Amino acid sequence: MQELLTLNPIAFSFGGLQIHWYGLIIATGAFLGVMWAMNEAQKQNIDSEKIIDMVLWIAPFALIGARLYYVLFELPFYLSHPEEIIKIWHGGIAIYGGLLAALAVVIIFCRRNQISPWKMLDIAAPSVMLGQIIGRWGNFMNQEAFGAVTSHHFLISLHLPDFVINQMLISGQYRQPTFLYESVWNLIGLVIILIIRQRGLFKQGDIILSYVTWYAFGRFFIEGMRTDSLYIFGVFRVSQLLSVVLFFGAIGIMIYRHRTQKLPLYNLK
């Protein structure tokens, strides 16, 4: 019954090569995000080619960061099976690891190219949110990043389309669509940030810090619903702890910058 209801994670096969929806969806989100960032960069008097150059550096390091983050918190397994560390196709990447690695690359890149890191991060933040909004649907196609067991009635009460409800039937039980919660949370956050930005209320650095605050707040609660969390000391969910640090850290940095520095407005042109 389940096989008749769920969507095929393989989009198409080309010879012996299988193309998965997950990869296509992630690639689509990344492509649209980069295109948007290039357009925003031009409005901020930054050569759009710099975005391409930066993304070419970010891509491999973000992937490595996402994998290392996961491996670090599953270290006993990978110490016993070191050959599995590079087998990323077996699963095991964490978005927080990728974002932290990408942040480091952006800062280094901007300093080498004499670009304000805050300006670049403000440009990138909406694009990253767009990528996350789209990318979570890759998890949907793979039937992963889901939550605890729930009822068919509960999913219907959320007014979800049938194809989403059907895809949440996993191993004979319906699951909380936490992938959807995060996608919608980021969509709401993106709309709010764009409205505030359009009204000219953001100063330089506020957009990226608002994104971090918004994402961390939502991720804390959504992570608590998931069944695939990484743990520290076998008790605390790693992503929840990091979300708390990022939430209060971003708010603290924003307050400090506004109180101690004369910040330019983010200019939409």
Protein backbone atom coordinates (compact mmCIF):
# COMPACT_ATOMS: atom_id res chain seq x y z
CA MET A 1 0.00 0.00 0.00
CA GLN A 2 2.74 2.45 0.99
CA GLU A 3 4.67 1.94 -2.22
CA LEU A 4 1.57 2.88 -4.22
CA LEU A 5 1.09 6.10 -2.26
CA THR A 6 4.59 7.50 -1.85
CA LEU A 7 6.51 9.42 -4.49
CA ASN A 8 9.49 7.91 -6.24
CA PRO A 9 12.70 9.60 -4.96
CA ILE A 10 14.33 8.93 -8.35
CA ALA A 11 13.42 11.55 -10.91
CA PHE A 12 14.77 9.63 -13.91
CA SER A 13 17.47 7.21 -14.95
CA PHE A 14 20.04 7.91 -17.60
CA GLY A 15 21.71 4.67 -18.58
CA GLY A 16 22.96 3.26 -15.29
CA LEU A 17 22.87 6.69 -13.64
CA GLN A 18 19.96 7.52 -11.37
CA ILE A 19 19.05 11.17 -10.87
CA HIS A 20 17.32 11.75 -7.53
CA TRP A 21 14.73 14.41 -6.84
CA TYR A 22 16.71 15.36 -3.74
CA GLY A 23 19.69 16.48 -5.81
CA LEU A 24 17.54 18.27 -8.37
CA ILE A 25 15.61 20.17 -5.69
CA ILE A 26 18.76 21.17 -3.80
CA ALA A 27 20.40 22.28 -7.05
CA THR A 28 17.31 24.31 -8.00
CA GLY A 29 17.28 26.08 -4.64
CA ALA A 30 21.00 26.82 -4.87
CA PHE A 31 20.71 28.10 -8.46
CA LEU A 32 17.81 30.45 -7.70
CA GLY A 33 19.57 31.66 -4.57
CA VAL A 34 22.74 32.48 -6.47
CA MET A 35 20.81 34.29 -9.21
CA TRP A 36 19.02 36.38 -6.61
CA ALA A 37 22.27 37.18 -4.79
CA MET A 38 23.90 38.28 -8.06
CA ASN A 39 21.03 40.67 -8.73
CA GLU A 40 21.22 42.04 -5.17
CA ALA A 41 24.99 42.45 -5.43
CA GLN A 42 24.65 44.72 -8.47
CA LYS A 43 22.25 46.93 -6.51
CA GLN A 44 24.90 47.24 -3.80
CA ASN A 45 27.67 48.19 -6.28
CA ILE A 46 29.34 44.78 -6.02
CA ASP A 47 30.39 43.00 -9.18
CA SER A 48 27.98 40.08 -9.60
CA GLU A 49 30.91 37.93 -10.77
CA LYS A 50 32.20 38.14 -7.21
CA ILE A 51 29.15 36.16 -6.14
CA ILE A 52 30.06 33.38 -8.56
CA ASP A 53 33.66 33.39 -7.36
CA MET A 54 32.53 33.24 -3.75
CA VAL A 55 30.01 30.45 -4.36
CA LEU A 56 32.69 28.34 -6.05
CA TRP A 57 34.67 28.54 -2.83
CA ILE A 58 31.67 28.10 -0.56
CA ALA A 59 30.26 24.98 -2.25
CA PRO A 60 33.04 22.49 -1.41
CA PHE A 61 33.77 23.90 2.04
CA ALA A 62 30.07 24.00 2.98
CA LEU A 63 29.72 20.36 1.97
CA ILE A 64 32.81 19.41 3.97
CA GLY A 65 31.56 21.44 6.94
CA ALA A 66 28.12 19.83 6.82
CA ARG A 67 29.72 16.38 6.76
CA LEU A 68 32.31 17.04 9.47
CA TYR A 69 29.63 18.46 11.75
CA TYR A 70 27.65 15.25 11.43
CA VAL A 71 30.70 13.00 11.80
CA LEU A 72 31.86 14.88 14.90
CA PHE A 73 28.64 14.17 16.77
CA GLU A 74 28.52 10.56 15.58
CA LEU A 75 32.21 10.06 16.31
CA PRO A 76 32.06 6.62 18.02
CA PHE A 77 30.48 5.11 14.91
CA TYR A 78 32.92 6.73 12.49
CA LEU A 79 35.95 5.85 14.61
CA SER A 80 34.83 2.25 14.33
CA HIS A 81 34.04 2.62 10.63
CA PRO A 82 36.47 5.27 9.27
CA GLU A 83 35.84 4.16 5.71
CA GLU A 84 32.30 5.53 6.07
CA ILE A 85 33.46 9.11 6.68
CA ILE A 86 33.74 9.96 3.00
CA LYS A 87 30.63 8.02 1.97
CA ILE A 88 28.36 11.00 2.01
CA TRP A 89 25.97 9.19 -0.32
CA HIS A 90 25.05 7.00 2.65
CA GLY A 91 23.55 10.07 4.30
CA GLY A 92 24.71 12.25 7.14
CA ILE A 93 25.08 15.97 6.55
CA ALA A 94 23.97 18.80 8.83
CA ILE A 95 22.87 22.21 7.59
CA TYR A 96 24.34 24.02 10.59
CA GLY A 97 27.79 22.66 9.74
CA GLY A 98 27.42 23.84 6.17
CA LEU A 99 26.26 27.31 7.21
CA LEU A 100 29.12 27.77 9.68
CA ALA A 101 31.67 26.71 7.07
CA ALA A 102 30.08 29.02 4.50
CA LEU A 103 30.23 31.92 6.98
CA ALA A 104 33.97 31.43 7.44
CA VAL A 105 34.51 31.37 3.66
CA VAL A 106 32.45 34.55 3.16
CA ILE A 107 34.44 36.45 5.78
CA ILE A 108 37.80 35.38 4.33
CA PHE A 109 36.66 36.05 0.76
CA CYS A 110 35.36 39.52 1.60
CA ARG A 111 38.51 40.53 3.42
CA ARG A 112 40.66 39.44 0.50
CA ASN A 113 38.46 41.33 -1.95
CA GLN A 114 38.00 44.43 0.22
CA ILE A 115 34.24 43.97 0.52
CA SER A 116 32.32 44.58 3.72
CA PRO A 117 31.44 41.14 5.14
CA TRP A 118 28.28 42.62 6.66
CA LYS A 119 27.14 43.94 3.30
CA MET A 120 27.84 40.60 1.61
CA LEU A 121 26.07 38.64 4.35
CA ASP A 122 23.04 40.93 4.08
CA ILE A 123 22.96 40.23 0.36
CA ALA A 124 23.30 36.48 0.91
CA ALA A 125 20.78 36.01 3.73
CA PRO A 126 17.54 36.13 1.67
CA SER A 127 19.11 33.84 -0.92
CA VAL A 128 20.08 31.32 1.76
CA MET A 129 16.54 31.42 3.12
CA LEU A 130 15.15 30.78 -0.36
CA GLY A 131 17.51 27.84 -0.76
CA GLN A 132 16.35 26.40 2.55
CA ILE A 133 12.68 26.88 1.68
CA ILE A 134 13.12 24.91 -1.52
CA GLY A 135 15.76 22.49 -0.27
CA ARG A 136 13.64 21.04 2.53
CA TRP A 137 11.41 19.56 -0.15
CA GLY A 138 14.34 17.38 -1.08
CA ASN A 139 14.01 15.85 2.40
CA PHE A 140 10.32 15.39 1.64
CA MET A 141 11.10 13.36 -1.47
CA ASN A 142 13.57 11.22 0.48
CA GLN A 143 11.12 10.75 3.37
CA GLU A 144 13.66 12.07 5.88
CA ALA A 145 13.94 14.86 8.47
CA PHE A 146 10.51 13.87 9.74
CA GLY A 147 9.06 13.99 13.23
CA ALA A 148 7.35 11.67 15.67
CA VAL A 149 4.49 9.34 14.89
CA THR A 150 1.18 11.12 14.43
CA SER A 151 -2.25 10.31 13.08
CA HIS A 152 -3.76 10.55 9.65
CA HIS A 153 -6.50 12.72 11.17
CA PHE A 154 -3.93 15.22 12.51
CA LEU A 155 -2.31 15.61 9.09
CA ILE A 156 -5.71 16.15 7.50
CA SER A 157 -6.47 18.79 10.13
CA LEU A 158 -3.46 20.77 8.85
CA HIS A 159 -5.21 21.01 5.47
CA LEU A 160 -2.27 19.43 3.72
CA PRO A 161 -2.64 18.15 0.16
CA ASP A 162 -2.95 14.40 -0.24
CA PHE A 163 0.48 13.98 -1.81
CA VAL A 164 2.13 15.42 1.33
CA ILE A 165 0.03 13.30 3.67
CA ASN A 166 0.75 10.18 1.63
CA GLN A 167 4.47 10.86 1.67
CA MET A 168 4.39 11.12 5.45
CA LEU A 169 3.32 7.45 5.67
CA ILE A 170 6.71 6.01 6.56
CA SER A 171 7.27 2.40 7.60
CA GLY A 172 3.56 1.99 8.10
CA GLN A 173 3.10 5.03 10.37
CA TYR A 174 2.25 8.66 9.69
CA ARG A 175 4.90 11.17 10.76
CA GLN A 176 5.05 14.85 11.65
CA PRO A 177 6.11 16.78 8.48
CA THR A 178 8.90 18.71 10.18
CA PHE A 179 10.50 19.36 6.80
CA LEU A 180 7.37 21.34 5.95
CA TYR A 181 7.34 23.22 9.24
CA GLU A 182 10.88 24.45 8.61
CA SER A 183 10.19 25.33 4.98
CA VAL A 184 7.10 27.36 5.94
CA TRP A 185 8.90 28.97 8.90
CA ASN A 186 11.66 30.19 6.58
CA LEU A 187 9.11 31.41 4.04
CA ILE A 188 7.34 33.51 6.68
CA GLY A 189 10.68 34.85 7.88
CA LEU A 190 11.76 35.72 4.37
CA VAL A 191 8.56 37.66 3.69
CA ILE A 192 8.90 39.60 6.96
CA ILE A 193 12.55 40.45 6.28
CA LEU A 194 11.77 41.61 2.75
CA ILE A 195 8.92 43.83 3.97
CA ILE A 196 11.11 45.44 6.63
CA ARG A 197 13.92 45.84 4.13
CA GLN A 198 11.61 47.44 1.58
CA ARG A 199 10.61 50.03 4.17
CA GLY A 200 14.25 50.97 4.64
CA LEU A 201 14.37 50.06 8.33
CA PHE A 202 17.42 47.77 8.22
CA LYS A 203 20.92 48.99 8.86
CA GLN A 204 23.94 47.16 7.51
CA GLY A 205 24.27 43.78 9.17
CA ASP A 206 20.67 43.69 10.40
CA ILE A 207 19.42 41.40 7.64
CA ILE A 208 21.86 38.57 8.30
CA LEU A 209 21.42 38.89 12.07
CA SER A 210 17.63 38.90 11.69
CA TYR A 211 17.86 35.75 9.58
CA VAL A 212 20.04 34.00 12.16
CA THR A 213 17.67 35.01 14.96
CA TRP A 214 14.57 33.90 13.06
CA TYR A 215 16.00 30.61 11.85
CA ALA A 216 17.54 29.66 15.20
CA PHE A 217 14.28 30.36 17.07
CA GLY A 218 12.23 28.18 14.74
CA ARG A 219 14.84 25.46 14.42
CA PHE A 220 14.98 25.06 18.22
CA PHE A 221 11.34 23.98 18.37
CA ILE A 222 11.28 22.06 15.09
CA GLU A 223 14.41 20.14 16.09
CA GLY A 224 12.60 19.06 19.24
CA MET A 225 10.03 17.30 17.05
CA ARG A 226 12.50 15.41 14.88
CA THR A 227 13.55 11.81 15.35
CA ASP A 228 16.96 12.00 13.69
CA SER A 229 18.68 14.56 15.92
CA LEU A 230 22.36 14.47 16.80
CA TYR A 231 22.96 14.39 20.56
CA ILE A 232 25.73 15.49 22.87
CA PHE A 233 26.28 13.42 26.01
CA GLY A 234 23.32 11.39 24.81
CA VAL A 235 20.97 13.94 26.35
CA PHE A 236 21.02 17.32 24.60
CA ARG A 237 20.13 17.85 20.97
CA VAL A 238 23.10 19.53 19.32
CA SER A 239 21.04 21.68 16.97
CA GLN A 240 18.91 22.94 19.82
CA LEU A 241 21.95 23.98 21.85
CA LEU A 242 23.47 25.70 18.83
CA SER A 243 20.15 27.39 18.09
CA VAL A 244 20.11 28.90 21.59
CA VAL A 245 23.68 30.18 21.17
CA LEU A 246 22.95 31.65 17.74
CA PHE A 247 19.65 33.21 18.82
CA PHE A 248 21.02 35.09 21.79
CA GLY A 249 24.36 35.71 20.08
CA ALA A 250 22.73 37.37 17.05
CA ILE A 251 20.49 39.53 19.24
CA GLY A 252 23.44 40.54 21.41
CA ILE A 253 25.59 41.45 18.41
CA MET A 254 22.77 43.48 16.88
CA ILE A 255 22.20 45.45 20.08
CA TYR A 256 25.94 46.02 20.55
CA ARG A 257 26.45 47.24 16.97
CA HIS A 258 23.50 49.64 17.15
CA ARG A 259 24.66 51.08 20.45
CA THR A 260 28.37 51.46 19.66
CA GLN A 261 28.56 52.07 15.90
CA LYS A 262 27.05 54.49 13.42
CA LEU A 263 25.71 52.02 10.90
CA PRO A 264 24.67 52.90 7.34
CA LEU A 265 21.19 51.96 6.17
CA TYR A 266 20.87 49.00 3.83
CA ASN A 267 20.27 50.76 0.53
CA LEU A 268 17.82 49.09 -1.84
CA LYS A 269 18.39 51.57 -4.67
